[in-house]
Amino acid sequence: MPAHRGARRPLGDRPDRSRVHRSRLRRRRRSRAQGRPGSAAVTVRFAVVGCGTAANHIHLPGLRAAGAAVTAFASRSRASAEVTRDQWGSGTVVDHWEDAVTRDDVDAVVVATPNVLHCDVAVAAARAGKHVIVDKPMARTVVEADEMIAAAAATGVVLVPFQNARFVAPFAAARAVVAEGRLGSVTGVRAAFGHAGPQAWAPRAAWFFDRSQAGGGCLIDLGVHIVDVIRHVAADDIVEVAAFLNGPAGGVELDAQLLVRLGGGAIGSVHASWTSRPGPDQQLTVVGTQGTLHLDTHTPLTFLPLEGERERVALPETTGSPLEELLAAMRGDRQPTVTAEDGRAAVAVVEAAYHAAADGCTAAVA
């Protein structure tokens, strides 16, 4: 005879309530995930705004590798958008980016435009409820960056800056060494990144040399990478900066040298250049109380302890990417490890450096 309400079952007949609860949670999560953009069961649909070199050589290969779909392409030149669409997908070419970011068949937007449009496109996309990944620099100014962050927060969408240098294997490995405490307290950081300039790899992109469109020259282009790597590896903010810039009269800077102070007391230098020929040049040195980390274009990441032999640091096989962080956040797996606040911080250092160079003094970072 079935038990009446309130009757106690023998212990052996009782279900494992914790197991039942966990099973129900898993079913609920699967149910939610199956309808959530970014989940394994759903193909994320992107609009790509800006169909130039960055989109074709960086962002679209990443989207394809991630299994994402591109449903809309928009660019200043419809012909460029059509060529890009034909190469990378079968989406719709949209004449105006404002229409691309509000489409119902778009879950997220890649902003790969000239810097002057980063804020406008990202804010419009966020207000339309679309997640956003925006090329570096995230914005030309701190004011623009704050507007983008506020728009994303207002609608609850994810905003990720494409600060991809921190994911490069040697920099990721350097971060791990510092985080493990093997270096002791960080006392100094020196970093440099240079190449032959936009004319060498994007000769038609004249906007790089127009301050009103780009926000600056090599410093805002490459300096944001260096600043982000320093902040990431040292796990500390840059709080004060002095700067020297070099470039043609009336033009943007082609070389930039910064002296910086970090919040924890470490000091360092940043060198960004568009005159490194014939090829790219990169360097990172992190000095600590227990040793030094160093790498450059011709030297692998090496740890030099105060005591003992120098050690070549093993590199991770996989390091992730800003796109992977966006997709993980869209799935609800975790918060992105590179955030809009990181993008803002890099812009803030560059902005302070421009003020310092103009005034011939040091400047605090906002």
Protein backbone atom coordinates (compact mmCIF):
# COMPACT_ATOMS: atom_id res chain seq x y z
CA MET A 1 0.00 0.00 0.00
CA PRO A 2 1.47 3.38 -0.92
CA ALA A 3 2.60 5.55 1.94
CA HIS A 4 0.25 8.36 2.90
CA ARG A 5 1.41 11.99 3.01
CA GLY A 6 3.82 12.51 5.85
CA ALA A 7 4.69 8.83 6.28
CA ARG A 8 8.39 8.19 6.77
CA ARG A 9 10.15 5.95 4.28
CA PRO A 10 12.70 3.42 5.45
CA LEU A 11 16.22 4.85 5.13
CA GLY A 12 17.12 2.50 2.32
CA ASP A 13 14.16 3.70 0.24
CA ARG A 14 14.92 7.42 0.50
CA PRO A 15 16.39 9.15 -2.55
CA ASP A 16 19.79 10.83 -2.25
CA ARG A 17 18.47 14.38 -2.07
CA SER A 18 21.85 15.97 -2.80
CA ARG A 19 22.21 13.79 -5.90
CA VAL A 20 18.68 14.65 -7.05
CA HIS A 21 19.38 18.34 -6.45
CA ARG A 22 22.63 18.23 -8.43
CA SER A 23 20.87 16.39 -11.26
CA ARG A 24 18.13 19.02 -11.40
CA LEU A 25 20.73 21.82 -11.44
CA ARG A 26 22.56 20.16 -14.33
CA ARG A 27 19.32 19.83 -16.30
CA ARG A 28 18.45 23.48 -15.68
CA ARG A 29 21.92 24.63 -16.72
CA ARG A 30 21.80 22.52 -19.88
CA SER A 31 18.38 23.92 -20.70
CA ARG A 32 19.56 27.49 -20.24
CA ALA A 33 22.80 26.90 -22.15
CA GLN A 34 21.01 25.42 -25.15
CA GLY A 35 19.40 28.79 -25.77
CA ARG A 36 22.29 31.01 -24.76
CA PRO A 37 24.53 32.53 -27.43
CA GLY A 38 28.05 31.27 -26.86
CA SER A 39 26.97 27.86 -25.57
CA ALA A 40 28.34 24.76 -27.25
CA ALA A 41 24.86 24.00 -28.58
CA VAL A 42 24.36 27.40 -30.22
CA THR A 43 26.43 29.02 -32.98
CA VAL A 44 27.23 32.60 -32.04
CA ARG A 45 26.34 35.07 -34.77
CA PHE A 46 28.63 38.06 -35.29
CA ALA A 47 28.50 41.29 -37.20
CA VAL A 48 31.94 42.46 -38.31
CA VAL A 49 32.16 46.23 -38.56
CA GLY A 50 35.29 47.26 -40.44
CA CYS A 51 36.63 44.96 -43.16
CA GLY A 52 40.25 46.04 -43.40
CA THR A 53 43.54 44.41 -42.51
CA ALA A 54 42.74 43.73 -38.84
CA ALA A 55 39.45 42.04 -39.67
CA ASN A 56 40.83 39.88 -42.45
CA HIS A 57 44.11 38.87 -40.84
CA ILE A 58 43.16 38.63 -37.16
CA HIS A 59 39.49 38.71 -36.25
CA LEU A 60 37.88 36.65 -39.01
CA PRO A 61 40.41 33.80 -38.78
CA GLY A 62 39.69 33.71 -35.06
CA LEU A 63 35.93 33.62 -35.59
CA ARG A 64 36.27 30.78 -38.07
CA ALA A 65 38.48 28.79 -35.69
CA ALA A 66 35.94 29.30 -32.91
CA GLY A 67 33.09 28.00 -35.07
CA ALA A 68 31.24 31.32 -35.02
CA ALA A 69 29.03 32.55 -37.85
CA VAL A 70 29.35 35.99 -39.42
CA THR A 71 25.90 37.12 -40.46
CA ALA A 72 26.64 40.76 -41.29
CA PHE A 73 29.56 42.69 -42.76
CA ALA A 74 29.83 46.48 -42.79
CA SER A 75 32.66 48.74 -43.90
CA ARG A 76 33.28 52.25 -45.18
CA SER A 77 33.66 50.67 -48.62
CA ARG A 78 30.88 48.32 -49.70
CA ALA A 79 33.34 46.72 -52.14
CA SER A 80 35.68 45.86 -49.26
CA ALA A 81 32.80 44.38 -47.30
CA GLU A 82 31.74 42.27 -50.28
CA VAL A 83 35.26 40.95 -50.87
CA THR A 84 35.57 40.10 -47.19
CA ARG A 85 32.15 38.45 -47.14
CA ASP A 86 32.97 36.33 -50.17
CA GLN A 87 36.22 35.17 -48.59
CA TRP A 88 34.96 34.46 -45.09
CA GLY A 89 31.27 33.70 -45.16
CA SER A 90 27.86 34.03 -46.66
CA GLY A 91 26.43 36.78 -44.49
CA THR A 92 24.77 39.99 -45.56
CA VAL A 93 26.70 43.08 -46.61
CA VAL A 94 25.14 46.06 -44.84
CA ASP A 95 25.68 49.58 -46.13
CA HIS A 96 25.55 51.29 -42.74
CA TRP A 97 27.15 49.93 -39.59
CA GLU A 98 24.27 51.34 -37.54
CA ASP A 99 22.00 48.79 -39.22
CA ALA A 100 24.48 45.92 -38.79
CA VAL A 101 24.67 46.19 -35.00
CA THR A 102 20.90 46.13 -34.48
CA ARG A 103 20.04 43.10 -36.61
CA ASP A 104 18.06 40.26 -35.04
CA ASP A 105 20.48 37.70 -36.46
CA VAL A 106 23.45 39.22 -34.60
CA ASP A 107 24.46 38.22 -31.07
CA ALA A 108 27.82 40.00 -30.88
CA VAL A 109 29.80 42.61 -32.77
CA VAL A 110 33.47 42.78 -33.75
CA VAL A 111 34.59 46.41 -33.94
CA ALA A 112 37.56 46.54 -36.35
CA THR A 113 37.16 50.09 -37.60
CA PRO A 114 39.54 53.04 -37.43
CA ASN A 115 39.86 54.17 -33.82
CA VAL A 116 37.58 57.16 -34.33
CA LEU A 117 34.56 54.83 -34.58
CA HIS A 118 35.34 52.43 -31.74
CA CYS A 119 33.24 54.28 -29.19
CA ASP A 120 30.26 54.99 -31.45
CA VAL A 121 29.99 51.43 -32.75
CA ALA A 122 30.53 49.77 -29.37
CA VAL A 123 28.00 52.00 -27.61
CA ALA A 124 25.36 51.46 -30.31
CA ALA A 125 25.92 47.70 -30.23
CA ALA A 126 25.71 47.57 -26.44
CA ARG A 127 22.51 49.61 -26.40
CA ALA A 128 21.08 47.13 -28.90
CA GLY A 129 21.88 44.31 -26.47
CA LYS A 130 24.83 42.92 -28.44
CA HIS A 131 28.05 41.72 -26.84
CA VAL A 132 31.13 43.52 -28.14
CA ILE A 133 34.78 42.78 -28.84
CA VAL A 134 36.63 45.93 -29.88
CA ASP A 135 40.06 46.17 -31.44
CA LYS A 136 42.81 47.96 -29.56
CA PRO A 137 43.08 50.68 -28.56
CA MET A 138 39.69 50.28 -26.94
CA ALA A 139 39.14 54.03 -27.37
CA ARG A 140 41.02 57.21 -28.21
CA THR A 141 40.39 58.76 -24.79
CA VAL A 142 39.37 57.83 -21.27
CA VAL A 143 36.09 59.69 -21.77
CA GLU A 144 35.24 57.43 -24.72
CA ALA A 145 36.28 54.32 -22.79
CA ASP A 146 34.05 55.29 -19.86
CA GLU A 147 31.10 55.84 -22.19
CA MET A 148 31.59 52.37 -23.67
CA ILE A 149 31.84 50.74 -20.24
CA ALA A 150 28.69 52.53 -19.06
CA ALA A 151 26.72 51.45 -22.13
CA ALA A 152 27.71 47.80 -21.65
CA ALA A 153 26.87 47.92 -17.94
CA ALA A 154 23.47 49.46 -18.62
CA THR A 155 22.35 46.53 -20.78
CA GLY A 156 24.38 43.79 -19.11
CA VAL A 157 26.37 42.84 -22.20
CA VAL A 158 30.01 41.75 -22.27
CA LEU A 159 32.57 44.25 -23.57
CA VAL A 160 36.05 42.85 -24.26
CA PRO A 161 38.99 44.85 -25.64
CA PHE A 162 41.24 43.02 -28.09
CA GLN A 163 44.31 43.29 -25.88
CA ASN A 164 45.80 40.08 -27.24
CA ALA A 165 49.49 40.60 -26.39
CA ARG A 166 48.98 39.31 -22.84
CA PHE A 167 47.94 35.97 -24.36
CA VAL A 168 51.20 35.55 -26.32
CA ALA A 169 52.94 32.52 -24.80
CA PRO A 170 56.13 34.19 -23.45
CA PHE A 171 54.13 36.96 -21.77
CA ALA A 172 51.66 34.46 -20.33
CA ALA A 173 54.59 32.43 -19.00
CA ALA A 174 56.19 35.55 -17.49
CA ARG A 175 52.93 36.30 -15.71
CA ALA A 176 52.93 32.78 -14.25
CA VAL A 177 56.51 33.08 -12.95
CA VAL A 178 55.71 36.37 -11.21
CA ALA A 179 52.42 35.02 -9.82
CA GLU A 180 54.24 31.99 -8.37
CA GLY A 181 56.45 34.35 -6.39
CA ARG A 182 59.71 33.10 -7.89
CA LEU A 183 60.77 36.64 -8.76
CA GLY A 184 60.02 38.02 -5.31
CA SER A 185 58.68 41.56 -5.26
CA VAL A 186 58.76 43.31 -8.64
CA THR A 187 61.03 46.37 -8.53
CA GLY A 188 61.41 47.23 -12.21
CA VAL A 189 59.91 46.54 -15.64
CA ARG A 190 61.26 47.43 -19.08
CA ALA A 191 59.25 46.67 -22.21
CA ALA A 192 59.46 47.59 -25.88
CA PHE A 193 57.53 46.80 -29.03
CA GLY A 194 58.21 48.15 -32.46
CA HIS A 195 57.74 47.47 -36.16
CA ALA A 196 58.17 49.33 -39.43
CA GLY A 197 54.87 51.18 -39.12
CA PRO A 198 51.40 50.87 -40.64
CA GLN A 199 52.71 51.75 -44.08
CA ALA A 200 54.55 48.41 -44.07
CA TRP A 201 51.49 46.19 -43.47
CA ALA A 202 48.45 48.37 -44.17
CA PRO A 203 49.66 50.91 -46.76
CA ARG A 204 46.14 52.06 -47.65
CA ALA A 205 45.20 52.83 -44.03
CA ALA A 206 46.20 56.50 -44.03
CA TRP A 207 43.99 57.14 -40.99
CA PHE A 208 46.80 55.81 -38.75
CA PHE A 209 48.65 59.09 -39.38
CA ASP A 210 45.61 61.31 -38.74
CA ARG A 211 45.50 62.23 -35.05
CA SER A 212 41.79 63.06 -35.16
CA GLN A 213 40.97 59.55 -36.36
CA ALA A 214 43.64 57.50 -34.58
CA GLY A 215 44.05 59.47 -31.36
CA GLY A 216 47.84 59.47 -31.77
CA GLY A 217 50.62 57.50 -33.40
CA CYS A 218 52.78 54.59 -32.33
CA LEU A 219 52.02 55.12 -28.64
CA ILE A 220 48.28 54.60 -28.88
CA ASP A 221 48.78 51.89 -31.50
CA LEU A 222 51.53 49.80 -29.87
CA GLY A 223 51.89 51.42 -26.46
CA VAL A 224 48.55 50.05 -25.30
CA HIS A 225 49.92 46.53 -25.92
CA ILE A 226 53.05 47.24 -23.88
CA VAL A 227 51.14 48.87 -21.04
CA ASP A 228 48.71 45.96 -20.87
CA VAL A 229 51.56 43.43 -20.78
CA ILE A 230 53.29 45.34 -17.96
CA ARG A 231 50.08 45.59 -15.93
CA HIS A 232 49.28 41.93 -16.53
CA VAL A 233 52.73 40.50 -15.82
CA ALA A 234 53.42 42.69 -12.78
CA ALA A 235 49.81 42.49 -11.54
CA ASP A 236 50.00 46.20 -10.78
CA ASP A 237 48.75 49.48 -12.21
CA ILE A 238 50.83 52.22 -13.76
CA VAL A 239 50.04 55.34 -11.74
CA GLU A 240 52.49 57.99 -13.00
CA VAL A 241 54.24 58.65 -16.30
CA ALA A 242 56.76 60.93 -18.01
CA ALA A 243 57.06 60.85 -21.79
CA PHE A 244 59.24 61.84 -24.73
CA LEU A 245 57.80 61.63 -28.25
CA ASN A 246 59.45 61.98 -31.65
CA GLY A 247 57.82 62.52 -35.01
CA PRO A 248 57.38 64.97 -37.89
CA ALA A 249 56.11 68.45 -37.08
CA GLY A 250 52.33 68.47 -37.17
CA GLY A 251 52.15 64.69 -37.43
CA VAL A 252 51.76 61.80 -35.04
CA GLU A 253 54.64 60.35 -33.05
CA LEU A 254 56.74 57.62 -34.67
CA ASP A 255 58.74 56.83 -31.53
CA ALA A 256 57.73 57.12 -27.88
CA GLN A 257 59.72 56.57 -24.70
CA LEU A 258 57.96 56.57 -21.33
CA LEU A 259 59.19 56.36 -17.76
CA VAL A 260 56.52 54.91 -15.50
CA ARG A 261 55.86 54.27 -11.83
CA LEU A 262 53.65 51.41 -10.68
CA GLY A 263 51.34 51.47 -7.69
CA GLY A 264 53.50 49.06 -5.72
CA GLY A 265 56.57 51.26 -6.13
CA ALA A 266 58.28 49.57 -9.09
CA ILE A 267 59.58 51.81 -11.85
CA GLY A 268 59.91 51.01 -15.52
CA SER A 269 60.10 52.09 -19.13
CA VAL A 270 57.94 51.71 -22.21
CA HIS A 271 59.28 52.08 -25.75
CA ALA A 272 56.90 52.04 -28.72
CA SER A 273 58.15 52.53 -32.27
CA TRP A 274 57.00 52.61 -35.86
CA THR A 275 60.62 52.85 -37.06
CA SER A 276 61.91 49.37 -36.17
CA ARG A 277 63.30 48.08 -39.44
CA PRO A 278 63.52 45.67 -41.08
CA GLY A 279 61.16 43.77 -38.80
CA PRO A 280 59.35 43.58 -35.47
CA ASP A 281 61.29 44.11 -32.26
CA GLN A 282 60.03 43.15 -28.82
CA GLN A 283 61.62 43.10 -25.38
CA LEU A 284 60.50 42.46 -21.82
CA THR A 285 62.60 42.55 -18.66
CA VAL A 286 61.05 42.14 -15.21
CA VAL A 287 63.35 42.70 -12.24
CA GLY A 288 62.48 41.35 -8.82
CA THR A 289 64.06 40.94 -5.42
CA GLN A 290 64.82 37.27 -6.18
CA GLY A 291 65.88 37.44 -9.83
CA THR A 292 65.16 38.71 -13.33
CA LEU A 293 63.02 37.59 -16.26
CA HIS A 294 64.13 38.57 -19.76
CA LEU A 295 63.14 38.01 -23.35
CA ASP A 296 63.74 39.79 -26.62
CA THR A 297 63.34 39.18 -30.33
CA HIS A 298 66.34 36.84 -30.39
CA THR A 299 66.27 35.43 -26.84
CA PRO A 300 63.61 33.11 -25.39
CA LEU A 301 62.06 33.85 -22.00
CA THR A 302 64.80 33.26 -19.44
CA PHE A 303 64.75 33.36 -15.63
CA LEU A 304 67.97 34.51 -13.96
CA PRO A 305 67.70 33.82 -10.21
CA LEU A 306 69.92 35.55 -7.68
CA GLU A 307 71.26 32.13 -6.76
CA GLY A 308 71.53 29.18 -9.10
CA GLU A 309 71.68 28.70 -12.84
CA ARG A 310 69.72 30.60 -15.45
CA GLU A 311 66.65 28.76 -16.63
CA ARG A 312 64.79 28.80 -19.92
CA VAL A 313 61.13 29.14 -19.00
CA ALA A 314 58.77 26.58 -20.50
CA LEU A 315 55.95 28.11 -22.52
CA PRO A 316 52.30 27.05 -22.25
CA GLU A 317 50.87 25.19 -25.24
CA THR A 318 47.63 27.16 -25.14
CA THR A 319 47.07 30.63 -23.76
CA GLY A 320 43.59 31.66 -24.91
CA SER A 321 42.54 34.86 -26.64
CA PRO A 322 40.22 37.82 -26.13
CA LEU A 323 37.66 36.12 -28.38
CA GLU A 324 37.71 32.98 -26.23
CA GLU A 325 37.19 35.17 -23.17
CA LEU A 326 34.19 36.85 -24.79
CA LEU A 327 32.60 33.53 -25.74
CA ALA A 328 33.20 32.06 -22.28
CA ALA A 329 31.56 35.09 -20.67
CA MET A 330 28.61 34.85 -23.06
CA ARG A 331 28.16 31.22 -22.03
CA GLY A 332 28.18 32.27 -18.41
CA ASP A 333 31.25 30.14 -17.69
CA ARG A 334 33.28 32.97 -16.11
CA GLN A 335 34.06 36.63 -16.25
CA PRO A 336 36.60 37.52 -18.97
CA THR A 337 40.21 37.62 -17.83
CA VAL A 338 40.79 40.66 -20.03
CA THR A 339 38.18 43.27 -19.25
CA ALA A 340 36.92 46.61 -20.45
CA GLU A 341 38.61 48.10 -17.39
CA ASP A 342 41.92 46.69 -18.67
CA GLY A 343 41.32 48.40 -22.00
CA ARG A 344 40.50 51.65 -20.23
CA ALA A 345 43.63 51.40 -18.08
CA ALA A 346 45.86 51.13 -21.15
CA VAL A 347 44.18 54.14 -22.74
CA ALA A 348 44.52 56.10 -19.49
CA VAL A 349 48.30 55.57 -19.39
CA VAL A 350 48.66 56.64 -23.02
CA GLU A 351 46.48 59.70 -22.45
CA ALA A 352 48.53 60.69 -19.40
CA ALA A 353 51.71 60.24 -21.46
CA TYR A 354 50.45 62.63 -24.13
CA HIS A 355 49.71 65.23 -21.44
CA ALA A 356 53.12 64.68 -19.84
CA ALA A 357 54.93 65.08 -23.16
CA ALA A 358 53.01 68.25 -24.01
CA ASP A 359 53.59 69.84 -20.60
CA GLY A 360 57.15 68.62 -20.06
CA CYS A 361 56.34 67.09 -16.70
CA THR A 362 55.15 63.87 -15.10
CA ALA A 363 51.43 63.13 -15.12
CA ALA A 364 49.23 61.04 -12.86
CA VAL A 365 47.17 58.33 -14.57
CA ALA A 366 43.42 58.86 -14.31
